[in-house]
C-alpha atoms as a PDB file:
ATOM      1  CA  MET A   1      73.580  55.555  42.159  1.00  0.00           C
ATOM      2  CA  GLU A   2      70.778  56.854  39.956  1.00  0.00           C
ATOM      3  CA  PHE A   3      68.472  55.008  37.577  1.00  0.00           C
ATOM      4  CA  SER A   4      65.636  55.767  35.194  1.00  0.00           C
ATOM      5  CA  PHE A   5      62.577  53.886  33.984  1.00  0.00           C
ATOM      6  CA  GLU A   6      62.594  52.855  30.341  1.00  0.00           C
ATOM      7  CA  GLY A   7      59.688  54.438  28.465  1.00  0.00           C
ATOM      8  CA  ILE A   8      58.784  56.745  31.371  1.00  0.00           C
ATOM      9  CA  HIS A   9      59.222  60.522  31.307  1.00  0.00           C
ATOM     10  CA  PRO A  10      62.783  61.452  32.339  1.00  0.00           C
ATOM     11  CA  ALA A  11      61.495  63.779  35.090  1.00  0.00           C
ATOM     12  CA  LEU A  12      61.135  60.595  37.177  1.00  0.00           C
ATOM     13  CA  HIS A  13      64.353  58.985  38.286  1.00  0.00           C
ATOM     14  CA  GLY A  14      65.475  56.769  41.098  1.00  0.00           C
ATOM     15  CA  VAL A  15      68.268  57.155  43.613  1.00  0.00           C
ATOM     16  CA  VAL A  16      69.775  54.227  45.505  1.00  0.00           C
ATOM     17  CA  SER A  17      72.113  54.330  48.483  1.00  0.00           C
ATOM     18  CA  ASP A  18      73.204  51.632  50.914  1.00  0.00           C
ATOM     19  CA  SER A  19      70.154  52.326  53.113  1.00  0.00           C
ATOM     20  CA  ASN A  20      67.553  53.994  50.870  1.00  0.00           C
ATOM     21  CA  VAL A  21      65.822  53.889  47.530  1.00  0.00           C
ATOM     22  CA  SER A  22      63.657  56.737  46.316  1.00  0.00           C
ATOM     23  CA  VAL A  23      61.935  57.932  43.161  1.00  0.00           C
ATOM     24  CA  GLN A  24      62.259  61.649  42.716  1.00  0.00           C
ATOM     25  CA  VAL A  25      60.762  64.168  40.335  1.00  0.00           C
ATOM     26  CA  HIS A  26      62.957  66.841  38.757  1.00  0.00           C
ATOM     27  CA  HIS A  27      61.417  69.026  36.042  1.00  0.00           C
ATOM     28  CA  ALA A  28      62.543  72.313  34.484  1.00  0.00           C
ATOM     29  CA  GLU A  29      65.618  72.287  36.745  1.00  0.00           C
ATOM     30  CA  VAL A  30      63.415  72.118  39.875  1.00  0.00           C
ATOM     31  CA  PHE A  31      63.263  69.309  42.447  1.00  0.00           C
ATOM     32  CA  TRP A  32      59.517  68.778  42.944  1.00  0.00           C
ATOM     33  CA  ASP A  33      59.051  65.836  45.261  1.00  0.00           C
ATOM     34  CA  ARG A  34      59.875  62.267  46.225  1.00  0.00           C
ATOM     35  CA  ILE A  35      56.991  60.068  45.150  1.00  0.00           C
ATOM     36  CA  PHE A  36      58.491  56.888  46.598  1.00  0.00           C
ATOM     37  CA  ASP A  37      60.926  56.628  49.490  1.00  0.00           C
ATOM     38  CA  VAL A  38      61.939  53.676  51.645  1.00  0.00           C
ATOM     39  CA  ASP A  39      64.750  53.232  54.154  1.00  0.00           C
ATOM     40  CA  VAL A  40      66.411  50.302  55.865  1.00  0.00           C
ATOM     41  CA  LYS A  41      68.641  50.219  58.946  1.00  0.00           C
ATOM     42  CA  PRO A  42      70.470  46.882  59.002  1.00  0.00           C
ATOM     43  CA  LYS A  43      71.561  45.448  62.336  1.00  0.00           C
ATOM     44  CA  ARG A  44      73.555  42.271  62.858  1.00  0.00           C
ATOM     45  CA  VAL A  45      71.905  39.872  65.310  1.00  0.00           C
ATOM     46  CA  ARG A  46      72.588  36.277  66.298  1.00  0.00           C
ATOM     47  CA  ARG A  47      70.323  34.823  63.567  1.00  0.00           C
ATOM     48  CA  GLY A  48      71.445  37.146  60.747  1.00  0.00           C
ATOM     49  CA  TYR A  49      70.341  40.692  59.912  1.00  0.00           C
ATOM     50  CA  ILE A  50      67.236  42.663  60.816  1.00  0.00           C
ATOM     51  CA  CYS A  51      65.992  46.157  60.061  1.00  0.00           C
ATOM     52  CA  GLU A  52      66.050  48.188  63.267  1.00  0.00           C
ATOM     53  CA  TRP A  53      63.168  50.336  62.042  1.00  0.00           C
ATOM     54  CA  CYS A  54      60.851  47.338  61.621  1.00  0.00           C
ATOM     55  CA  THR A  55      60.494  46.625  65.340  1.00  0.00           C
ATOM     56  CA  GLU A  56      57.321  48.730  65.659  1.00  0.00           C
ATOM     57  CA  ARG A  57      55.272  45.908  64.075  1.00  0.00           C
ATOM     58  CA  GLY A  58      56.574  43.204  66.357  1.00  0.00           C
ATOM     59  CA  PRO A  59      59.795  41.215  66.186  1.00  0.00           C
ATOM     60  CA  PRO A  60      61.544  41.898  62.871  1.00  0.00           C
ATOM     61  CA  ARG A  61      62.127  39.043  60.459  1.00  0.00           C
ATOM     62  CA  PRO A  62      65.809  38.021  60.388  1.00  0.00           C
ATOM     63  CA  PHE A  63      67.581  37.546  57.053  1.00  0.00           C
ATOM     64  CA  PRO A  64      70.598  35.254  56.734  1.00  0.00           C
ATOM     65  CA  LYS A  65      72.690  37.880  54.908  1.00  0.00           C
ATOM     66  CA  ARG A  66      72.743  41.667  54.844  1.00  0.00           C
ATOM     67  CA  SER A  67      72.246  41.565  51.063  1.00  0.00           C
ATOM     68  CA  ALA A  68      69.032  39.548  51.508  1.00  0.00           C
ATOM     69  CA  LEU A  69      67.673  42.179  53.919  1.00  0.00           C
ATOM     70  CA  LEU A  70      68.557  45.001  51.502  1.00  0.00           C
ATOM     71  CA  THR A  71      67.020  43.158  48.553  1.00  0.00           C
ATOM     72  CA  HIS A  72      63.807  42.548  50.471  1.00  0.00           C
ATOM     73  CA  HIS A  73      63.422  46.016  51.972  1.00  0.00           C
ATOM     74  CA  LEU A  74      64.657  48.136  49.070  1.00  0.00           C
ATOM     75  CA  CYS A  75      64.410  46.235  45.786  1.00  0.00           C
ATOM     76  CA  GLU A  76      61.273  44.203  46.384  1.00  0.00           C
ATOM     77  CA  THR A  77      59.458  47.187  47.911  1.00  0.00           C
ATOM     78  CA  LEU A  78      60.394  49.300  44.880  1.00  0.00           C
ATOM     79  CA  LEU A  79      59.246  46.552  42.502  1.00  0.00           C
ATOM     80  CA  GLU A  80      55.907  46.337  44.310  1.00  0.00           C
ATOM     81  CA  TRP A  81      55.465  50.140  43.987  1.00  0.00           C
ATOM     82  CA  VAL A  82      56.384  50.039  40.286  1.00  0.00           C
ATOM     83  CA  ASN A  83      53.843  47.281  39.611  1.00  0.00           C
ATOM     84  CA  GLU A  84      51.028  48.765  41.713  1.00  0.00           C
ATOM     85  CA  LYS A  85      51.516  52.527  41.214  1.00  0.00           C
ATOM     86  CA  LEU A  86      53.842  53.413  38.338  1.00  0.00           C
ATOM     87  CA  ALA A  87      52.836  50.791  35.768  1.00  0.00           C
ATOM     88  CA  PRO A  88      49.137  51.760  35.672  1.00  0.00           C
ATOM     89  CA  ALA A  89      49.817  55.536  35.863  1.00  0.00           C
ATOM     90  CA  HIS A  90      49.522  57.763  32.785  1.00  0.00           C
ATOM     91  CA  TRP A  91      50.084  61.254  34.184  1.00  0.00           C
ATOM     92  CA  LEU A  92      52.652  63.141  36.208  1.00  0.00           C
ATOM     93  CA  VAL A  93      50.959  66.018  38.024  1.00  0.00           C
ATOM     94  CA  LEU A  94      53.155  68.826  39.363  1.00  0.00           C
ATOM     95  CA  ARG A  95      51.768  71.492  41.672  1.00  0.00           C
ATOM     96  CA  THR A  96      53.350  74.499  43.318  1.00  0.00           C
ATOM     97  CA  ILE A  97      52.421  77.239  45.703  1.00  0.00           C
ATOM     98  CA  PRO A  98      54.934  79.726  47.100  1.00  0.00           C
ATOM     99  CA  GLY A  99      57.460  77.767  49.139  1.00  0.00           C
ATOM    100  CA  MET A 100      56.135  74.290  48.298  1.00  0.00           C
ATOM    101  CA  THR A 101      56.082  71.831  45.412  1.00  0.00           C
ATOM    102  CA  GLU A 102      54.443  68.443  45.114  1.00  0.00           C
ATOM    103  CA  ALA A 103      54.245  65.689  42.537  1.00  0.00           C
ATOM    104  CA  GLU A 104      52.035  62.673  42.053  1.00  0.00           C
ATOM    105  CA  ILE A 105      51.423  60.063  39.411  1.00  0.00           C
ATOM    106  CA  THR A 106      47.843  59.328  38.434  1.00  0.00           C
ATOM    107  CA  ILE A 107      45.851  57.122  36.103  1.00  0.00           C
ATOM    108  CA  GLU A 108      43.440  59.901  35.117  1.00  0.00           C
ATOM    109  CA  PRO A 109      44.280  63.590  34.751  1.00  0.00           C
ATOM    110  CA  PRO A 110      43.098  65.636  37.726  1.00  0.00           C
ATOM    111  CA  THR A 111      39.892  67.604  37.566  1.00  0.00           C
ATOM    112  CA  ALA A 112      40.036  71.213  38.625  1.00  0.00           C
ATOM    113  CA  LYS A 113      37.680  72.381  41.323  1.00  0.00           C
ATOM    114  CA  HIS A 114      37.890  76.012  42.221  1.00  0.00           C
ATOM    115  CA  ASP A 115      39.055  76.887  45.709  1.00  0.00           C
ATOM    116  CA  PRO A 116      40.090  80.515  46.216  1.00  0.00           C
ATOM    117  CA  SER A 117      42.205  79.634  49.261  1.00  0.00           C
ATOM    118  CA  ARG A 118      44.742  77.522  47.311  1.00  0.00           C
ATOM    119  CA  GLU A 119      46.469  78.712  44.178  1.00  0.00           C
ATOM    120  CA  TRP A 120      48.348  75.993  42.364  1.00  0.00           C
ATOM    121  CA  VAL A 121      50.355  76.331  39.190  1.00  0.00           C
ATOM    122  CA  THR A 122      50.040  72.888  37.679  1.00  0.00           C
ATOM    123  CA  HIS A 123      51.957  70.999  35.028  1.00  0.00           C
ATOM    124  CA  LEU A 124      50.311  67.930  33.570  1.00  0.00           C
ATOM    125  CA  ILE A 125      52.821  65.652  31.827  1.00  0.00           C
ATOM    126  CA  SER A 126      52.168  62.362  30.079  1.00  0.00           C
ATOM    127  CA  LEU A 127      54.363  59.674  31.619  1.00  0.00           C
ATOM    128  CA  ARG A 128      54.806  57.680  28.431  1.00  0.00           C
ATOM    129  CA  SER A 129      56.195  58.635  25.039  1.00  0.00           C
ATOM    130  CA  PRO A 130      55.306  60.740  23.155  1.00  0.00           C
ATOM    131  CA  PHE A 131      55.621  63.098  26.092  1.00  0.00           C
ATOM    132  CA  HIS A 132      53.083  65.895  26.128  1.00  0.00           C
ATOM    133  CA  GLU A 133      53.029  68.687  28.652  1.00  0.00           C
ATOM    134  CA  ARG A 134      50.324  71.156  29.499  1.00  0.00           C
ATOM    135  CA  SER A 135      50.850  73.983  31.953  1.00  0.00           C
ATOM    136  CA  PHE A 136      47.987  75.929  33.414  1.00  0.00           C
ATOM    137  CA  ASP A 137      47.055  77.988  36.444  1.00  0.00           C
ATOM    138  CA  GLU A 138      44.221  76.490  38.429  1.00  0.00           C
ATOM    139  CA  ARG A 139      42.890  76.611  41.920  1.00  0.00           C
ATOM    140  CA  LEU A 140      42.812  72.903  42.643  1.00  0.00           C
ATOM    141  CA  VAL A 141      41.332  71.076  45.566  1.00  0.00           C
ATOM    142  CA  THR A 142      43.296  67.932  46.265  1.00  0.00           C
END
């Protein structure tokens, strides 16, 4: 299932599956990057459901129902990212070099610093309406 964010540039959209939620960037018919990505691996145990991938930080917290585990791991984590990262952001920055693309959301537009070893073609897009886009070639240090 896919979703979008009301009032946010349509290049950003979300994808939800039974074990993952991600926010991806597609622009000018190109997949640029995933700027948010979280997975869950539910496992039934005696006291409910746990995420098998959460055992690295100690015993995982059990949830009484599978849906509660999915809500916590996927939905609440996405909501936290939206509130902390997406809500304050004003710019979508797209960069490319041969064979690689990347995207990020930022509060301030990036400043260009010249670095002859890295050539980036950058698109700077306002996240909120009215959507403005500026494309330029810069050698950016990130």
